Amino acid sequence: SASPVWVKDAEEEINITCGFYTAIPRGTDQTVLR
């Protein structure tokens, strides 16, 4: 499952730039970003 993430009320707009940020700890297992 997934939820779309975008700028609120700008789904139909063009030329939009935005950024997403998170901080995560280093794990001991393989880490895969999807």
Full PDB file with SEQRES, HELIX, SHEET, SSBOND, CRYST1, ORIGX, SCALE, CONECT and MASTER records, all heavy atoms in Angstrom:
SEQRES   1 A   34  SER ALA SER PRO VAL TRP VAL LYS ASP ALA GLU GLU GLU          
SEQRES   2 A   34  ILE ASN ILE THR CYS GLY PHE TYR THR ALA ILE PRO ARG          
SEQRES   3 A   34  GLY THR ASP GLN THR VAL LEU ARG                              
CRYST1    1.000    1.000    1.000  90.00  90.00  90.00 P 1           1          
ORIGX1      1.000000  0.000000  0.000000        0.00000                         
ORIGX2      0.000000  1.000000  0.000000        0.00000                         
ORIGX3      0.000000  0.000000  1.000000        0.00000                         
SCALE1      1.000000  0.000000  0.000000        0.00000                         
SCALE2      0.000000  1.000000  0.000000        0.00000                         
SCALE3      0.000000  0.000000  1.000000        0.00000                         
ATOM      1  N   SER A   1       0.851  -1.184   0.000  1.00  0.00           N  
ATOM      2  CA  SER A   1       0.000   0.000   0.000  1.00  0.00           C  
ATOM      3  C   SER A   1       0.887   1.234   0.000  1.00  0.00           C  
ATOM      4  O   SER A   1       2.035   1.182   0.413  1.00  0.00           O  
ATOM      5  CB  SER A   1      -0.927   0.007   1.220  1.00  0.00           C  
ATOM      6  OG  SER A   1      -0.168   0.158   2.398  1.00  0.00           O  
ATOM      7  N   ALA A   2       0.330   2.312  -0.473  1.00  0.00           N  
ATOM      8  CA  ALA A   2       1.054   3.576  -0.499  1.00  0.00           C  
ATOM      9  C   ALA A   2       0.042   4.707  -0.530  1.00  0.00           C  
ATOM     10  O   ALA A   2      -1.102   4.526  -0.936  1.00  0.00           O  
ATOM     11  CB  ALA A   2       1.953   3.652  -1.727  1.00  0.00           C  
ATOM     12  N   SER A   3       0.476   5.846  -0.083  1.00  0.00           N  
ATOM     13  CA  SER A   3      -0.345   7.041  -0.137  1.00  0.00           C  
ATOM     14  C   SER A   3       0.404   8.089  -0.941  1.00  0.00           C  
ATOM     15  O   SER A   3       1.589   8.316  -0.702  1.00  0.00           O  
ATOM     16  CB  SER A   3      -0.597   7.587   1.270  1.00  0.00           C  
ATOM     17  OG  SER A   3      -1.296   6.658   2.036  1.00  0.00           O  
ATOM     18  N   PRO A   4      -0.250   8.711  -1.905  1.00  0.00           N  
ATOM     19  CA  PRO A   4       0.439   9.760  -2.658  1.00  0.00           C  
ATOM     20  C   PRO A   4       0.754  10.949  -1.765  1.00  0.00           C  
ATOM     21  O   PRO A   4      -0.020  11.290  -0.872  1.00  0.00           O  
ATOM     22  CB  PRO A   4      -0.552  10.125  -3.758  1.00  0.00           C  
ATOM     23  CG  PRO A   4      -1.876   9.667  -3.264  1.00  0.00           C  
ATOM     24  CD  PRO A   4      -1.626   8.520  -2.331  1.00  0.00           C  
ATOM     25  N   VAL A   5       1.897  11.549  -2.009  1.00  0.00           N  
ATOM     26  CA  VAL A   5       2.328  12.710  -1.244  1.00  0.00           C  
ATOM     27  C   VAL A   5       2.674  13.798  -2.234  1.00  0.00           C  
ATOM     28  O   VAL A   5       3.491  13.608  -3.129  1.00  0.00           O  
ATOM     29  CB  VAL A   5       3.562  12.381  -0.382  1.00  0.00           C  
ATOM     30  CG1 VAL A   5       4.019  13.596   0.393  1.00  0.00           C  
ATOM     31  CG2 VAL A   5       3.285  11.211   0.534  1.00  0.00           C  
ATOM     32  N   TRP A   6       2.034  14.935  -2.094  1.00  0.00           N  
ATOM     33  CA  TRP A   6       2.309  16.065  -2.985  1.00  0.00           C  
ATOM     34  C   TRP A   6       1.851  17.346  -2.309  1.00  0.00           C  
ATOM     35  O   TRP A   6       1.249  17.298  -1.244  1.00  0.00           O  
ATOM     36  CB  TRP A   6       1.626  15.874  -4.341  1.00  0.00           C  
ATOM     37  CG  TRP A   6       2.155  16.790  -5.399  1.00  0.00           C  
ATOM     38  CD1 TRP A   6       1.465  17.751  -6.066  1.00  0.00           C  
ATOM     39  CD2 TRP A   6       3.487  16.833  -5.921  1.00  0.00           C  
ATOM     40  NE1 TRP A   6       2.282  18.396  -6.960  1.00  0.00           N  
ATOM     41  CE2 TRP A   6       3.537  17.843  -6.891  1.00  0.00           C  
ATOM     42  CE3 TRP A   6       4.659  16.126  -5.645  1.00  0.00           C  
ATOM     43  CZ2 TRP A   6       4.692  18.171  -7.588  1.00  0.00           C  
ATOM     44  CZ3 TRP A   6       5.808  16.441  -6.344  1.00  0.00           C  
ATOM     45  CH2 TRP A   6       5.810  17.446  -7.313  1.00  0.00           C  
ATOM     46  N   VAL A   7       2.104  18.466  -2.917  1.00  0.00           N  
ATOM     47  CA  VAL A   7       1.703  19.758  -2.382  1.00  0.00           C  
ATOM     48  C   VAL A   7       0.172  19.825  -2.389  1.00  0.00           C  
ATOM     49  O   VAL A   7      -0.464  19.551  -3.408  1.00  0.00           O  
ATOM     50  CB  VAL A   7       2.297  20.911  -3.226  1.00  0.00           C  
ATOM     51  CG1 VAL A   7       1.857  22.257  -2.694  1.00  0.00           C  
ATOM     52  CG2 VAL A   7       3.812  20.795  -3.276  1.00  0.00           C  
ATOM     53  N   LYS A   8      -0.403  20.212  -1.255  1.00  0.00           N  
ATOM     54  CA  LYS A   8      -1.854  20.240  -1.116  1.00  0.00           C  
ATOM     55  C   LYS A   8      -2.482  21.151  -2.176  1.00  0.00           C  
ATOM     56  O   LYS A   8      -2.028  22.268  -2.402  1.00  0.00           O  
ATOM     57  CB  LYS A   8      -2.241  20.733   0.282  1.00  0.00           C  
ATOM     58  CG  LYS A   8      -3.723  20.677   0.534  1.00  0.00           C  
ATOM     59  CD  LYS A   8      -4.058  21.078   1.949  1.00  0.00           C  
ATOM     60  CE  LYS A   8      -5.559  21.005   2.135  1.00  0.00           C  
ATOM     61  NZ  LYS A   8      -5.946  21.357   3.490  1.00  0.00           N  
ATOM     62  N   ASP A   9      -3.517  20.651  -2.822  1.00  0.00           N  
ATOM     63  CA  ASP A   9      -4.294  21.368  -3.839  1.00  0.00           C  
ATOM     64  C   ASP A   9      -3.474  21.747  -5.071  1.00  0.00           C  
ATOM     65  O   ASP A   9      -3.846  22.658  -5.809  1.00  0.00           O  
ATOM     66  CB  ASP A   9      -4.945  22.626  -3.254  1.00  0.00           C  
ATOM     67  CG  ASP A   9      -5.919  22.296  -2.132  1.00  0.00           C  
ATOM     68  OD1 ASP A   9      -6.579  21.239  -2.226  1.00  0.00           O  
ATOM     69  OD2 ASP A   9      -6.009  23.078  -1.171  1.00  0.00           O  
ATOM     70  N   ALA A  10      -2.353  21.063  -5.323  1.00  0.00           N  
ATOM     71  CA  ALA A  10      -1.521  21.377  -6.495  1.00  0.00           C  
ATOM     72  C   ALA A  10      -1.320  20.159  -7.386  1.00  0.00           C  
ATOM     73  O   ALA A  10      -0.390  20.122  -8.184  1.00  0.00           O  
ATOM     74  CB  ALA A  10      -0.179  21.932  -6.046  1.00  0.00           C  
ATOM     75  N   GLU A  11      -2.196  19.175  -7.278  1.00  0.00           N  
ATOM     76  CA  GLU A  11      -2.046  17.942  -8.049  1.00  0.00           C  
ATOM     77  C   GLU A  11      -2.074  18.170  -9.553  1.00  0.00           C  
ATOM     78  O   GLU A  11      -1.452  17.458 -10.316  1.00  0.00           O  
ATOM     79  CB  GLU A  11      -3.132  16.924  -7.665  1.00  0.00           C  
ATOM     80  CG  GLU A  11      -3.021  16.407  -6.256  1.00  0.00           C  
ATOM     81  CD  GLU A  11      -3.716  17.308  -5.243  1.00  0.00           C  
ATOM     82  OE1 GLU A  11      -4.327  18.329  -5.651  1.00  0.00           O  
ATOM     83  OE2 GLU A  11      -3.644  17.006  -4.048  1.00  0.00           O  
ATOM     84  N   GLU A  12      -2.810  19.169  -9.999  1.00  0.00           N  
ATOM     85  CA  GLU A  12      -2.946  19.440 -11.431  1.00  0.00           C  
ATOM     86  C   GLU A  12      -2.001  20.539 -11.928  1.00  0.00           C  
ATOM     87  O   GLU A  12      -1.974  20.842 -13.116  1.00  0.00           O  
ATOM     88  CB  GLU A  12      -4.396  19.823 -11.753  1.00  0.00           C  
ATOM     89  CG  GLU A  12      -5.415  18.764 -11.369  1.00  0.00           C  
ATOM     90  CD  GLU A  12      -5.203  17.450 -12.119  1.00  0.00           C  
ATOM     91  OE1 GLU A  12      -4.886  17.493 -13.319  1.00  0.00           O  
ATOM     92  OE2 GLU A  12      -5.352  16.376 -11.482  1.00  0.00           O  
ATOM     93  N   GLU A  13      -1.248  21.146 -11.037  1.00  0.00           N  
ATOM     94  CA  GLU A  13      -0.336  22.221 -11.402  1.00  0.00           C  
ATOM     95  C   GLU A  13       0.914  21.655 -12.083  1.00  0.00           C  
ATOM     96  O   GLU A  13       1.288  20.514 -11.846  1.00  0.00           O  
ATOM     97  CB  GLU A  13       0.082  23.014 -10.165  1.00  0.00           C  
ATOM     98  CG  GLU A  13      -1.059  23.665  -9.428  1.00  0.00           C  
ATOM     99  CD  GLU A  13      -1.712  24.790 -10.220  1.00  0.00           C  
ATOM    100  OE1 GLU A  13      -1.002  25.490 -10.948  1.00  0.00           O  
ATOM    101  OE2 GLU A  13      -2.937  24.952 -10.094  1.00  0.00           O  
ATOM    102  N   ILE A  14       1.549  22.465 -12.929  1.00  0.00           N  
ATOM    103  CA  ILE A  14       2.814  22.070 -13.534  1.00  0.00           C  
ATOM    104  C   ILE A  14       3.922  22.979 -13.015  1.00  0.00           C  
ATOM    105  O   ILE A  14       3.651  24.023 -12.419  1.00  0.00           O  
ATOM    106  CB  ILE A  14       2.748  22.109 -15.080  1.00  0.00           C  
ATOM    107  CG1 ILE A  14       2.437  23.518 -15.570  1.00  0.00           C  
ATOM    108  CG2 ILE A  14       1.744  21.103 -15.605  1.00  0.00           C  
ATOM    109  CD1 ILE A  14       2.547  23.681 -17.074  1.00  0.00           C  
ATOM    110  N   ASN A  15       5.148  22.559 -13.230  1.00  0.00           N  
ATOM    111  CA  ASN A  15       6.328  23.310 -12.793  1.00  0.00           C  
ATOM    112  C   ASN A  15       6.349  23.539 -11.288  1.00  0.00           C  
ATOM    113  O   ASN A  15       6.683  24.612 -10.811  1.00  0.00           O  
ATOM    114  CB  ASN A  15       6.444  24.644 -13.538  1.00  0.00           C  
ATOM    115  CG  ASN A  15       6.636  24.431 -15.023  1.00  0.00           C  
ATOM    116  OD1 ASN A  15       7.329  23.500 -15.428  1.00  0.00           O  
ATOM    117  ND2 ASN A  15       6.023  25.268 -15.822  1.00  0.00           N  
ATOM    118  N   ILE A  16       5.985  22.518 -10.538  1.00  0.00           N  
ATOM    119  CA  ILE A  16       6.028  22.562  -9.080  1.00  0.00           C  
ATOM    120  C   ILE A  16       7.302  21.854  -8.629  1.00  0.00           C  
ATOM    121  O   ILE A  16       7.630  20.777  -9.105  1.00  0.00           O  
ATOM    122  CB  ILE A  16       4.817  21.841  -8.459  1.00  0.00           C  
ATOM    123  CG1 ILE A  16       3.513  22.493  -8.891  1.00  0.00           C  
ATOM    124  CG2 ILE A  16       4.936  21.752  -6.953  1.00  0.00           C  
ATOM    125  CD1 ILE A  16       3.228  23.810  -8.240  1.00  0.00           C  
ATOM    126  N   THR A  17       8.023  22.469  -7.706  1.00  0.00           N  
ATOM    127  CA  THR A  17       9.193  21.851  -7.093  1.00  0.00           C  
ATOM    128  C   THR A  17       8.966  21.820  -5.596  1.00  0.00           C  
ATOM    129  O   THR A  17       8.524  22.808  -5.005  1.00  0.00           O  
ATOM    130  CB  THR A  17      10.470  22.651  -7.398  1.00  0.00           C  
ATOM    131  OG1 THR A  17      10.638  22.722  -8.807  1.00  0.00           O  
ATOM    132  CG2 THR A  17      11.682  21.992  -6.783  1.00  0.00           C  
ATOM    133  N   CYS A  18       9.247  20.692  -4.973  1.00  0.00           N  
ATOM    134  CA  CYS A  18       9.110  20.606  -3.525  1.00  0.00           C  
ATOM    135  C   CYS A  18      10.144  19.636  -2.975  1.00  0.00           C  
ATOM    136  O   CYS A  18      10.802  18.920  -3.721  1.00  0.00           O  
ATOM    137  CB  CYS A  18       7.692  20.198  -3.118  1.00  0.00           C  
ATOM    138  SG  CYS A  18       7.181  18.598  -3.705  1.00  0.00           S  
ATOM    139  N   GLY A  19      10.283  19.633  -1.674  1.00  0.00           N  
ATOM    140  CA  GLY A  19      11.260  18.765  -1.043  1.00  0.00           C  
ATOM    141  C   GLY A  19      10.643  17.980   0.091  1.00  0.00           C  
ATOM    142  O   GLY A  19       9.716  18.444   0.754  1.00  0.00           O  
ATOM    143  N   PHE A  20      11.168  16.782   0.284  1.00  0.00           N  
ATOM    144  CA  PHE A  20      10.742  15.917   1.380  1.00  0.00           C  
ATOM    145  C   PHE A  20      11.982  15.521   2.165  1.00  0.00           C  
ATOM    146  O   PHE A  20      13.038  15.279   1.583  1.00  0.00           O  
ATOM    147  CB  PHE A  20      10.028  14.675   0.839  1.00  0.00           C  
ATOM    148  CG  PHE A  20       8.801  15.000   0.048  1.00  0.00           C  
ATOM    149  CD1 PHE A  20       8.855  15.126  -1.327  1.00  0.00           C  
ATOM    150  CD2 PHE A  20       7.591  15.204   0.687  1.00  0.00           C  
ATOM    151  CE1 PHE A  20       7.726  15.446  -2.067  1.00  0.00           C  
ATOM    152  CE2 PHE A  20       6.454  15.530  -0.039  1.00  0.00           C  
ATOM    153  CZ  PHE A  20       6.525  15.647  -1.420  1.00  0.00           C  
ATOM    154  N   TYR A  21      11.862  15.468   3.480  1.00  0.00           N  
ATOM    155  CA  TYR A  21      13.018  15.203   4.328  1.00  0.00           C  
ATOM    156  C   TYR A  21      12.630  14.271   5.459  1.00  0.00           C  
ATOM    157  O   TYR A  21      11.521  14.348   6.000  1.00  0.00           O  
ATOM    158  CB  TYR A  21      13.544  16.518   4.918  1.00  0.00           C  
ATOM    159  CG  TYR A  21      14.527  16.302   6.034  1.00  0.00           C  
ATOM    160  CD1 TYR A  21      15.864  16.040   5.766  1.00  0.00           C  
ATOM    161  CD2 TYR A  21      14.111  16.323   7.360  1.00  0.00           C  
ATOM    162  CE1 TYR A  21      16.760  15.810   6.792  1.00  0.00           C  
ATOM    163  CE2 TYR A  21      14.997  16.097   8.395  1.00  0.00           C  
ATOM    164  CZ  TYR A  21      16.320  15.837   8.102  1.00  0.00           C  
ATOM    165  OH  TYR A  21      17.204  15.593   9.110  1.00  0.00           O  
ATOM    166  N   THR A  22      13.559  13.396   5.816  1.00  0.00           N  
ATOM    167  CA  THR A  22      13.415  12.584   7.022  1.00  0.00           C  
ATOM    168  C   THR A  22      14.801  12.269   7.559  1.00  0.00           C  
ATOM    169  O   THR A  22      15.799  12.394   6.848  1.00  0.00           O  
ATOM    170  CB  THR A  22      12.621  11.285   6.756  1.00  0.00           C  
ATOM    171  OG1 THR A  22      12.280  10.680   7.999  1.00  0.00           O  
ATOM    172  CG2 THR A  22      13.415  10.311   5.903  1.00  0.00           C  
ATOM    173  N   ALA A  23      14.855  11.876   8.798  1.00  0.00           N  
ATOM    174  CA  ALA A  23      16.101  11.428   9.420  1.00  0.00           C  
ATOM    175  C   ALA A  23      15.862  10.020   9.941  1.00  0.00           C  
ATOM    176  O   ALA A  23      14.831   9.756  10.574  1.00  0.00           O  
ATOM    177  CB  ALA A  23      16.507  12.361  10.551  1.00  0.00           C  
ATOM    178  N   ILE A  24      16.794   9.117   9.652  1.00  0.00           N  
ATOM    179  CA  ILE A  24      16.647   7.726  10.086  1.00  0.00           C  
ATOM    180  C   ILE A  24      17.939   7.259  10.752  1.00  0.00           C  
ATOM    181  O   ILE A  24      19.023   7.718  10.404  1.00  0.00           O  
ATOM    182  CB  ILE A  24      16.295   6.784   8.906  1.00  0.00           C  
ATOM    183  CG1 ILE A  24      17.421   6.750   7.866  1.00  0.00           C  
ATOM    184  CG2 ILE A  24      14.974   7.173   8.270  1.00  0.00           C  
ATOM    185  CD1 ILE A  24      17.273   5.642   6.839  1.00  0.00           C  
ATOM    186  N   PRO A  25      17.821   6.329  11.695  1.00  0.00           N  
ATOM    187  CA  PRO A  25      19.035   5.778  12.302  1.00  0.00           C  
ATOM    188  C   PRO A  25      19.668   4.746  11.381  1.00  0.00           C  
ATOM    189  O   PRO A  25      19.002   4.176  10.513  1.00  0.00           O  
ATOM    190  CB  PRO A  25      18.520   5.120  13.580  1.00  0.00           C  
ATOM    191  CG  PRO A  25      17.104   4.761  13.267  1.00  0.00           C  
ATOM    192  CD  PRO A  25      16.605   5.819  12.314  1.00  0.00           C  
ATOM    193  N   ARG A  26      20.953   4.539  11.553  1.00  0.00           N  
ATOM    194  CA  ARG A  26      21.631   3.490  10.803  1.00  0.00           C  
ATOM    195  C   ARG A  26      21.212   2.155  11.419  1.00  0.00           C  
ATOM    196  O   ARG A  26      21.291   1.955  12.615  1.00  0.00           O  
ATOM    197  CB  ARG A  26      23.138   3.652  10.887  1.00  0.00           C  
ATOM    198  CG  ARG A  26      23.882   2.563  10.136  1.00  0.00           C  
ATOM    199  CD  ARG A  26      25.385   2.776  10.191  1.00  0.00           C  
ATOM    200  NE  ARG A  26      26.076   1.673   9.588  1.00  0.00           N  
ATOM    201  CZ  ARG A  26      26.364   1.566   8.300  1.00  0.00           C  
ATOM    202  NH1 ARG A  26      26.010   2.534   7.490  1.00  0.00           N  
ATOM    203  NH2 ARG A  26      26.993   0.527   7.816  1.00  0.00           N  
ATOM    204  N   GLY A  27      20.753   1.253  10.583  1.00  0.00           N  
ATOM    205  CA  GLY A  27      20.343  -0.062  11.051  1.00  0.00           C  
ATOM    206  C   GLY A  27      21.485  -1.056  10.948  1.00  0.00           C  
ATOM    207  O   GLY A  27      22.570  -0.742  10.457  1.00  0.00           O  
ATOM    208  N   THR A  28      21.229  -2.247  11.404  1.00  0.00           N  
ATOM    209  CA  THR A  28      22.234  -3.307  11.305  1.00  0.00           C  
ATOM    210  C   THR A  28      21.972  -4.213  10.116  1.00  0.00           C  
ATOM    211  O   THR A  28      22.822  -5.004   9.732  1.00  0.00           O  
ATOM    212  CB  THR A  28      22.255  -4.156  12.589  1.00  0.00           C  
ATOM    213  OG1 THR A  28      20.938  -4.676  12.813  1.00  0.00           O  
ATOM    214  CG2 THR A  28      22.680  -3.314  13.775  1.00  0.00           C  
ATOM    215  N   ASP A  29      20.795  -4.109   9.524  1.00  0.00           N  
ATOM    216  CA  ASP A  29      20.423  -4.931   8.379  1.00  0.00           C  
ATOM    217  C   ASP A  29      20.491  -4.119   7.093  1.00  0.00           C  
ATOM    218  O   ASP A  29      20.741  -2.919   7.107  1.00  0.00           O  
ATOM    219  CB  ASP A  29      18.990  -5.465   8.555  1.00  0.00           C  
ATOM    220  CG  ASP A  29      18.867  -6.364   9.777  1.00  0.00           C  
ATOM    221  OD1 ASP A  29      19.839  -7.062  10.093  1.00  0.00           O  
ATOM    222  OD2 ASP A  29      17.799  -6.350  10.409  1.00  0.00           O  
ATOM    223  N   GLN A  30      20.216  -4.779   5.993  1.00  0.00           N  
ATOM    224  CA  GLN A  30      20.151  -4.100   4.698  1.00  0.00           C  
ATOM    225  C   GLN A  30      19.039  -3.054   4.740  1.00  0.00           C  
ATOM    226  O   GLN A  30      17.958  -3.291   5.261  1.00  0.00           O  
ATOM    227  CB  GLN A  30      19.870  -5.105   3.589  1.00  0.00           C  
ATOM    228  CG  GLN A  30      19.807  -4.481   2.221  1.00  0.00           C  
ATOM    229  CD  GLN A  30      19.439  -5.488   1.139  1.00  0.00           C  
ATOM    230  OE1 GLN A  30      18.693  -6.424   1.382  1.00  0.00           O  
ATOM    231  NE2 GLN A  30      19.979  -5.294  -0.049  1.00  0.00           N  
ATOM    232  N   THR A  31      19.321  -1.880   4.185  1.00  0.00           N  
ATOM    233  CA  THR A  31      18.342  -0.800   4.132  1.00  0.00           C  
ATOM    234  C   THR A  31      18.065  -0.468   2.679  1.00  0.00           C  
ATOM    235  O   THR A  31      18.982  -0.107   1.941  1.00  0.00           O  
ATOM    236  CB  THR A  31      18.856   0.452   4.866  1.00  0.00           C  
ATOM    237  OG1 THR A  31      19.187   0.093   6.212  1.00  0.00           O  
ATOM    238  CG2 THR A  31      17.810   1.541   4.877  1.00  0.00           C  
ATOM    239  N   VAL A  32      16.822  -0.616   2.277  1.00  0.00           N  
ATOM    240  CA  VAL A  32      16.422  -0.359   0.893  1.00  0.00           C  
ATOM    241  C   VAL A  32      15.399   0.771   0.901  1.00  0.00           C  
ATOM    242  O   VAL A  32      14.392   0.705   1.607  1.00  0.00           O  
ATOM    243  CB  VAL A  32      15.825  -1.616   0.226  1.00  0.00           C  
ATOM    244  CG1 VAL A  32      15.346  -1.311  -1.172  1.00  0.00           C  
ATOM    245  CG2 VAL A  32      16.853  -2.743   0.217  1.00  0.00           C  
ATOM    246  N   LEU A  33      15.680   1.797   0.131  1.00  0.00           N  
ATOM    247  CA  LEU A  33      14.756   2.917  -0.029  1.00  0.00           C  
ATOM    248  C   LEU A  33      13.931   2.642  -1.280  1.00  0.00           C  
ATOM    249  O   LEU A  33      14.481   2.397  -2.352  1.00  0.00           O  
ATOM    250  CB  LEU A  33      15.541   4.218  -0.175  1.00  0.00           C  
ATOM    251  CG  LEU A  33      14.721   5.481  -0.370  1.00  0.00           C  
ATOM    252  CD1 LEU A  33      13.868   5.746   0.867  1.00  0.00           C  
ATOM    253  CD2 LEU A  33      15.637   6.650  -0.625  1.00  0.00           C  
ATOM    254  N   ARG A  34      12.607   2.675  -1.137  1.00  0.00           N  
ATOM    255  CA  ARG A  34      11.712   2.412  -2.268  1.00  0.00           C  
ATOM    256  C   ARG A  34      10.931   3.684  -2.574  1.00  0.00           C  
ATOM    257  O   ARG A  34      10.313   4.253  -1.689  1.00  0.00           O  
ATOM    258  CB  ARG A  34      10.769   1.271  -1.944  1.00  0.00           C  
ATOM    259  CG  ARG A  34      11.490  -0.058  -1.825  1.00  0.00           C  
ATOM    260  CD  ARG A  34      10.541  -1.162  -1.373  1.00  0.00           C  
ATOM    261  NE  ARG A  34      11.194  -2.451  -1.397  1.00  0.00           N  
ATOM    262  CZ  ARG A  34      11.947  -2.926  -0.411  1.00  0.00           C  
ATOM    263  NH1 ARG A  34      12.133  -2.212   0.679  1.00  0.00           N  
ATOM    264  NH2 ARG A  34      12.505  -4.110  -0.510  1.00  0.00           N  
TER     265      ARG A  34                                                      
MASTER        0    0    0    0    0    0    0    6  264    1    0    3          
END                                                                             
